[in-house]
Structure formats: structure tokens, C-alpha cells
Amino acid sequence: MLVNDERDSSPMEAGAMPQRLLLFWTVWATIFIAFGVVGLGRAMLAYHHDYYWTPTTRQESLEQRNGRFELYIRDKLLERRLKDGELAMRNGDSWVPLQEADVSLRLNHINEVTRPSLLYGVGFASAGLAWLSALLGIRRAKKLEAERAVPD
């Protein structure tokens, strides 16, 4: 006849969590944090490169700005100054008025490139930290419960 000893406790007691499950959660939390750090690192490093700019051979005209920005010169829109003939370039001894075709844009697309890295980085890091916080809370609760169960 088998007698169940009090010292021989099952890992599936009420409120107890198997060590394998804790290890599994810890590994996944670490993986999430690692992916988060990589994503945030990519976003940070992207700011040091120049290749997110529109190539100099494919600069955009003022008409292609698609409402992304407005450029003002002394409180007047650039397009208005160009149409009114208020801007000119010196050509030898004379001045030639600038036209809209004379102005082109070179845009930086860093925000489009770094947005996914930032979103994934923050998302994964947050998930990993949340899992680690939950694990620490569970472990602390287990220790407190174990301390209360031990008779003085």
C-alpha cells in the first residue's frame, strides 16, 4: 500500500507552477526582449546613414510634395513667390526669375524606413518585459505562499 508523504509534493498543487513552464516563459520573454532590442537598434543605426534620401538623380518637383510640407519664405508660400516672379537667380550681370521647374526637392524617407523597426522593437520589448514582470510576480507569490505554509 502506497502512502502519500507530505514531503512528496506534486508540482501541480493548487497555485504551484511547473518549473518547465516557468523556464518556457522566461525563454520566450528573453526572445521577445532580444527582438525588441534588435528592432530599436536598427532604428537608431538608421539615422546615421544617408541612403534614405531621394537620389539626387530623381529629385521631386514641388508639385510632387503631396501635402507633406509647405515651404515659406518671409511668411509667403514658396509657390506663390515663384508665380509672382519675386525670386531670381543672378546670371552674370543680370537676374533671371526662378520658375517652379527650377526648384526640386530631395526628401528624407527615414520615417518610412524606421517606423516598422520602432513598432516591432517597442512591441517585442514591451511583451518581453510584461512576461518577465508576470514571471517575477508569480515567483514572488509562490515564495510568499511557501513562507506562509511553513509553520513557525
C-alpha atoms as a PDB file:
ATOM      1  CA  MET A   1       0.000   0.000   0.000  1.00  0.00           C
ATOM      2  CA  LEU A   2       1.349   3.406  -1.000  1.00  0.00           C
ATOM      3  CA  VAL A   3       1.249   6.219   1.470  1.00  0.00           C
ATOM      4  CA  ASN A   4       1.445   9.790   0.213  1.00  0.00           C
ATOM      5  CA  ASP A   5       4.091  11.565   2.270  1.00  0.00           C
ATOM      6  CA  GLU A   6       3.603  15.314   2.916  1.00  0.00           C
ATOM      7  CA  ARG A   7       7.187  15.983   1.794  1.00  0.00           C
ATOM      8  CA  ASP A   8       6.466  14.349  -1.566  1.00  0.00           C
ATOM      9  CA  SER A   9       4.584  17.226  -3.128  1.00  0.00           C
ATOM     10  CA  SER A  10       3.298  17.195  -6.648  1.00  0.00           C
ATOM     11  CA  PRO A  11       4.308  20.083  -8.960  1.00  0.00           C
ATOM     12  CA  MET A  12       0.665  20.510  -9.902  1.00  0.00           C
ATOM     13  CA  GLU A  13      -0.523  21.526  -6.447  1.00  0.00           C
ATOM     14  CA  ALA A  14      -3.012  24.353  -6.217  1.00  0.00           C
ATOM     15  CA  GLY A  15      -1.227  27.586  -7.030  1.00  0.00           C
ATOM     16  CA  ALA A  16       2.031  25.880  -7.990  1.00  0.00           C
ATOM     17  CA  MET A  17       3.504  26.313 -11.432  1.00  0.00           C
ATOM     18  CA  PRO A  18       5.707  23.673 -13.058  1.00  0.00           C
ATOM     19  CA  GLN A  19       9.352  24.662 -13.417  1.00  0.00           C
ATOM     20  CA  ARG A  20       9.282  23.789 -17.112  1.00  0.00           C
ATOM     21  CA  LEU A  21       6.510  26.288 -17.717  1.00  0.00           C
ATOM     22  CA  LEU A  22       8.448  28.986 -15.857  1.00  0.00           C
ATOM     23  CA  LEU A  23      11.519  28.194 -17.933  1.00  0.00           C
ATOM     24  CA  PHE A  24       9.439  28.262 -21.134  1.00  0.00           C
ATOM     25  CA  TRP A  25       8.018  31.691 -20.262  1.00  0.00           C
ATOM     26  CA  THR A  26      11.427  33.011 -19.302  1.00  0.00           C
ATOM     27  CA  VAL A  27      12.929  31.868 -22.602  1.00  0.00           C
ATOM     28  CA  TRP A  28      10.103  33.469 -24.590  1.00  0.00           C
ATOM     29  CA  ALA A  29      10.368  36.706 -22.612  1.00  0.00           C
ATOM     30  CA  THR A  30      14.106  36.784 -23.333  1.00  0.00           C
ATOM     31  CA  ILE A  31      13.474  36.171 -27.034  1.00  0.00           C
ATOM     32  CA  PHE A  32      10.902  38.983 -27.141  1.00  0.00           C
ATOM     33  CA  ILE A  33      13.292  41.370 -25.430  1.00  0.00           C
ATOM     34  CA  ALA A  34      16.102  40.375 -27.815  1.00  0.00           C
ATOM     35  CA  PHE A  35      13.900  41.036 -30.860  1.00  0.00           C
ATOM     36  CA  GLY A  36      12.872  44.348 -29.320  1.00  0.00           C
ATOM     37  CA  VAL A  37      16.461  45.413 -28.753  1.00  0.00           C
ATOM     38  CA  VAL A  38      17.380  44.445 -32.327  1.00  0.00           C
ATOM     39  CA  GLY A  39      14.459  46.466 -33.747  1.00  0.00           C
ATOM     40  CA  LEU A  40      15.272  49.510 -31.663  1.00  0.00           C
ATOM     41  CA  GLY A  41      18.953  49.158 -32.561  1.00  0.00           C
ATOM     42  CA  ARG A  42      18.112  49.090 -36.279  1.00  0.00           C
ATOM     43  CA  ALA A  43      16.058  52.248 -35.926  1.00  0.00           C
ATOM     44  CA  MET A  44      18.853  54.012 -34.044  1.00  0.00           C
ATOM     45  CA  LEU A  45      21.523  52.993 -36.534  1.00  0.00           C
ATOM     46  CA  ALA A  46      19.381  54.051 -39.500  1.00  0.00           C
ATOM     47  CA  TYR A  47      19.755  57.697 -38.524  1.00  0.00           C
ATOM     48  CA  HIS A  48      23.495  57.548 -39.242  1.00  0.00           C
ATOM     49  CA  HIS A  49      23.098  56.619 -42.901  1.00  0.00           C
ATOM     50  CA  ASP A  50      22.412  58.890 -45.862  1.00  0.00           C
ATOM     51  CA  TYR A  51      20.862  56.333 -48.207  1.00  0.00           C
ATOM     52  CA  TYR A  52      17.282  57.093 -47.153  1.00  0.00           C
ATOM     53  CA  TRP A  53      17.347  60.337 -49.098  1.00  0.00           C
ATOM     54  CA  THR A  54      15.729  60.655 -52.502  1.00  0.00           C
ATOM     55  CA  PRO A  55      18.558  60.067 -55.010  1.00  0.00           C
ATOM     56  CA  THR A  56      19.994  63.261 -56.485  1.00  0.00           C
ATOM     57  CA  THR A  57      19.191  61.960 -59.975  1.00  0.00           C
ATOM     58  CA  ARG A  58      15.476  61.567 -59.092  1.00  0.00           C
ATOM     59  CA  GLN A  59      14.658  64.705 -57.190  1.00  0.00           C
ATOM     60  CA  GLU A  60      10.997  65.561 -56.924  1.00  0.00           C
ATOM     61  CA  SER A  61       9.320  68.703 -58.161  1.00  0.00           C
ATOM     62  CA  LEU A  62       7.357  70.999 -55.865  1.00  0.00           C
ATOM     63  CA  GLU A  63       4.115  69.569 -57.280  1.00  0.00           C
ATOM     64  CA  GLN A  64       5.038  66.083 -56.027  1.00  0.00           C
ATOM     65  CA  ARG A  65       5.166  67.065 -52.347  1.00  0.00           C
ATOM     66  CA  ASN A  66       1.667  65.585 -51.862  1.00  0.00           C
ATOM     67  CA  GLY A  67       0.787  67.844 -48.956  1.00  0.00           C
ATOM     68  CA  ARG A  68       3.740  66.577 -46.905  1.00  0.00           C
ATOM     69  CA  PHE A  69       5.123  70.048 -46.279  1.00  0.00           C
ATOM     70  CA  GLU A  70       4.836  73.734 -47.164  1.00  0.00           C
ATOM     71  CA  LEU A  71       7.869  75.952 -47.649  1.00  0.00           C
ATOM     72  CA  TYR A  72       7.568  79.633 -46.718  1.00  0.00           C
ATOM     73  CA  ILE A  73       9.950  82.488 -47.468  1.00  0.00           C
ATOM     74  CA  ARG A  74       9.324  85.519 -45.244  1.00  0.00           C
ATOM     75  CA  ASP A  75       5.786  84.390 -44.407  1.00  0.00           C
ATOM     76  CA  LYS A  76       4.803  83.739 -48.012  1.00  0.00           C
ATOM     77  CA  LEU A  77       4.455  80.315 -49.640  1.00  0.00           C
ATOM     78  CA  LEU A  78       7.324  79.439 -51.999  1.00  0.00           C
ATOM     79  CA  GLU A  79       4.987  78.579 -54.875  1.00  0.00           C
ATOM     80  CA  ARG A  80       3.296  81.991 -54.562  1.00  0.00           C
ATOM     81  CA  ARG A  81       6.662  83.797 -54.643  1.00  0.00           C
ATOM     82  CA  LEU A  82       7.717  81.794 -57.694  1.00  0.00           C
ATOM     83  CA  LYS A  83       4.463  82.558 -59.556  1.00  0.00           C
ATOM     84  CA  ASP A  84       4.731  86.243 -58.677  1.00  0.00           C
ATOM     85  CA  GLY A  85       8.301  86.334 -60.012  1.00  0.00           C
ATOM     86  CA  GLU A  86       9.705  87.514 -56.673  1.00  0.00           C
ATOM     87  CA  LEU A  87      12.629  85.062 -56.666  1.00  0.00           C
ATOM     88  CA  ALA A  88      15.503  85.284 -59.122  1.00  0.00           C
ATOM     89  CA  MET A  89      18.996  83.946 -59.769  1.00  0.00           C
ATOM     90  CA  ARG A  90      21.919  86.008 -60.810  1.00  0.00           C
ATOM     91  CA  ASN A  91      23.160  85.126 -64.303  1.00  0.00           C
ATOM     92  CA  GLY A  92      26.270  87.193 -64.885  1.00  0.00           C
ATOM     93  CA  ASP A  93      25.225  90.845 -64.663  1.00  0.00           C
ATOM     94  CA  SER A  94      21.505  90.163 -64.974  1.00  0.00           C
ATOM     95  CA  TRP A  95      18.862  88.476 -62.874  1.00  0.00           C
ATOM     96  CA  VAL A  96      16.680  85.639 -64.198  1.00  0.00           C
ATOM     97  CA  PRO A  97      13.353  84.933 -62.393  1.00  0.00           C
ATOM     98  CA  LEU A  98      13.051  81.437 -60.982  1.00  0.00           C
ATOM     99  CA  GLN A  99      10.260  79.161 -62.177  1.00  0.00           C
ATOM    100  CA  GLU A 100       8.714  76.210 -60.351  1.00  0.00           C
ATOM    101  CA  ALA A 101      10.611  73.867 -62.663  1.00  0.00           C
ATOM    102  CA  ASP A 102      13.877  75.345 -61.326  1.00  0.00           C
ATOM    103  CA  VAL A 103      13.133  74.131 -57.804  1.00  0.00           C
ATOM    104  CA  SER A 104      13.362  70.459 -56.881  1.00  0.00           C
ATOM    105  CA  LEU A 105      13.217  68.512 -53.645  1.00  0.00           C
ATOM    106  CA  ARG A 106      15.324  65.836 -52.105  1.00  0.00           C
ATOM    107  CA  LEU A 107      13.310  64.142 -49.363  1.00  0.00           C
ATOM    108  CA  ASN A 108      14.465  62.023 -46.467  1.00  0.00           C
ATOM    109  CA  HIS A 109      12.396  58.841 -46.083  1.00  0.00           C
ATOM    110  CA  ILE A 110      13.852  57.820 -42.725  1.00  0.00           C
ATOM    111  CA  ASN A 111      10.438  57.882 -41.048  1.00  0.00           C
ATOM    112  CA  GLU A 112       9.103  55.313 -43.521  1.00  0.00           C
ATOM    113  CA  VAL A 113      12.150  53.090 -43.054  1.00  0.00           C
ATOM    114  CA  THR A 114      12.357  53.224 -39.273  1.00  0.00           C
ATOM    115  CA  ARG A 115       8.634  53.005 -38.485  1.00  0.00           C
ATOM    116  CA  PRO A 116       8.437  49.175 -38.698  1.00  0.00           C
ATOM    117  CA  SER A 117      11.656  48.740 -36.697  1.00  0.00           C
ATOM    118  CA  LEU A 118      10.403  51.070 -33.998  1.00  0.00           C
ATOM    119  CA  LEU A 119       6.976  49.429 -33.844  1.00  0.00           C
ATOM    120  CA  TYR A 120       8.370  45.901 -33.714  1.00  0.00           C
ATOM    121  CA  GLY A 121      11.104  46.915 -31.297  1.00  0.00           C
ATOM    122  CA  VAL A 122       8.768  48.587 -28.844  1.00  0.00           C
ATOM    123  CA  GLY A 123       6.153  45.842 -29.223  1.00  0.00           C
ATOM    124  CA  PHE A 124       8.546  42.942 -28.650  1.00  0.00           C
ATOM    125  CA  ALA A 125      10.400  44.689 -25.826  1.00  0.00           C
ATOM    126  CA  SER A 126       7.099  45.547 -24.118  1.00  0.00           C
ATOM    127  CA  ALA A 127       5.844  41.979 -24.470  1.00  0.00           C
ATOM    128  CA  GLY A 128       9.087  40.590 -23.084  1.00  0.00           C
ATOM    129  CA  LEU A 129       9.093  42.983 -20.142  1.00  0.00           C
ATOM    130  CA  ALA A 130       5.443  42.227 -19.428  1.00  0.00           C
ATOM    131  CA  TRP A 131       6.173  38.483 -19.405  1.00  0.00           C
ATOM    132  CA  LEU A 132       9.182  38.966 -17.133  1.00  0.00           C
ATOM    133  CA  SER A 133       7.119  41.122 -14.784  1.00  0.00           C
ATOM    134  CA  ALA A 134       4.413  38.459 -14.683  1.00  0.00           C
ATOM    135  CA  LEU A 135       7.004  35.767 -14.004  1.00  0.00           C
ATOM    136  CA  LEU A 136       8.555  37.772 -11.198  1.00  0.00           C
ATOM    137  CA  GLY A 137       5.111  38.345  -9.715  1.00  0.00           C
ATOM    138  CA  ILE A 138       4.270  34.650  -9.910  1.00  0.00           C
ATOM    139  CA  ARG A 139       7.596  33.658  -8.343  1.00  0.00           C
ATOM    140  CA  ARG A 140       7.181  36.203  -5.562  1.00  0.00           C
ATOM    141  CA  ALA A 141       3.659  34.979  -4.865  1.00  0.00           C
ATOM    142  CA  LYS A 142       4.942  31.392  -4.721  1.00  0.00           C
ATOM    143  CA  LYS A 143       7.669  32.350  -2.247  1.00  0.00           C
ATOM    144  CA  LEU A 144       5.230  34.239  -0.043  1.00  0.00           C
ATOM    145  CA  GLU A 145       2.821  31.292  -0.132  1.00  0.00           C
ATOM    146  CA  ALA A 146       5.636  28.888   0.753  1.00  0.00           C
ATOM    147  CA  GLU A 147       6.723  31.100   3.654  1.00  0.00           C
ATOM    148  CA  ARG A 148       3.175  31.208   4.993  1.00  0.00           C
ATOM    149  CA  ALA A 149       2.828  27.432   4.717  1.00  0.00           C
ATOM    150  CA  VAL A 150       5.902  26.769   6.834  1.00  0.00           C
ATOM    151  CA  PRO A 151       4.855  26.559  10.484  1.00  0.00           C
ATOM    152  CA  ASP A 152       6.908  28.581  12.965  1.00  0.00           C
END
